[in-house]
Amino acid sequence: MLASYPSSQPILPAPVIAETGWIIAAVLGPATHAAFIASVAAGDFTVTDLPRTTGNASPSWSSVTPT
């Protein structure tokens, strides 16, 4: 699947960067976190936005019947 993308860089949705940074900082420490952020800033990843939805993207819970 990734072979179909023109970029040879890993593709990261923007929210994943924040979550990954938090995990890296908590588990591997501030130096590794700083290296990850520097890598993102240097363009080592292709950062993309998640697709936007319009209206209510949540399921209609009023139509769910309890069992």
Protein backbone atom coordinates (compact mmCIF):
# COMPACT_ATOMS: atom_id res chain seq x y z
CA MET A 1 0.00 0.00 0.00
CA LEU A 2 2.72 2.51 0.89
CA ALA A 3 4.39 1.83 -2.47
CA SER A 4 1.48 3.66 -4.12
CA TYR A 5 2.40 6.93 -2.36
CA PRO A 6 4.86 9.15 -4.23
CA SER A 7 6.78 10.09 -1.08
CA SER A 8 9.48 7.85 0.32
CA GLN A 9 8.98 9.51 3.71
CA PRO A 10 6.72 8.01 6.39
CA ILE A 11 3.28 9.63 6.36
CA LEU A 12 1.97 10.86 9.71
CA PRO A 13 -1.41 12.45 10.41
CA ALA A 14 -0.82 15.60 12.46
CA PRO A 15 -2.58 14.30 15.63
CA VAL A 16 -0.32 11.23 15.59
CA ILE A 17 2.72 13.48 15.98
CA ALA A 18 1.39 14.86 19.25
CA GLU A 19 0.51 11.43 20.64
CA THR A 20 3.80 9.91 19.50
CA GLY A 21 5.72 12.79 21.04
CA TRP A 22 3.94 12.30 24.34
CA ILE A 23 4.71 8.57 24.41
CA ILE A 24 8.33 9.12 23.39
CA ALA A 25 8.79 11.72 26.14
CA ALA A 26 7.15 9.52 28.78
CA VAL A 27 8.97 6.31 27.87
CA LEU A 28 12.25 7.32 26.26
CA GLY A 29 12.88 10.72 27.85
CA PRO A 30 13.29 14.36 26.84
CA ALA A 31 16.38 13.92 24.67
CA THR A 32 14.64 11.39 22.43
CA HIS A 33 11.51 13.56 22.39
CA ALA A 34 13.58 16.55 21.26
CA ALA A 35 15.18 14.43 18.52
CA PHE A 36 11.73 13.31 17.31
CA ILE A 37 10.44 16.91 17.19
CA ALA A 38 13.60 18.03 15.38
CA SER A 39 13.09 15.21 12.88
CA VAL A 40 9.51 16.33 12.22
CA ALA A 41 10.66 19.97 11.88
CA ALA A 42 13.42 18.90 9.46
CA GLY A 43 10.84 17.35 7.14
CA ASP A 44 11.72 13.71 7.73
CA PHE A 45 8.00 12.87 7.70
CA THR A 46 5.16 13.79 5.39
CA VAL A 47 2.61 15.41 7.71
CA THR A 48 -0.99 15.20 6.60
CA ASP A 49 -4.33 16.29 8.04
CA LEU A 50 -7.06 13.84 8.85
CA PRO A 51 -10.07 14.06 6.53
CA ARG A 52 -12.69 16.53 7.68
CA THR A 53 -16.28 15.48 8.18
CA THR A 54 -19.34 17.66 8.08
CA GLY A 55 -22.28 17.42 10.38
CA ASN A 56 -22.58 14.83 13.09
CA ALA A 57 -20.05 12.07 12.46
CA SER A 58 -21.16 10.20 15.58
CA PRO A 59 -23.59 7.31 15.35
CA SER A 60 -27.17 8.05 16.17
CA TRP A 61 -27.40 6.61 19.67
CA SER A 62 -31.10 7.35 19.82
CA SER A 63 -31.65 4.62 17.24
CA VAL A 64 -29.81 1.99 19.31
CA THR A 65 -32.16 -0.36 21.12
CA PRO A 66 -30.87 -1.80 24.39
CA THR A 67 -30.82 -5.59 24.61
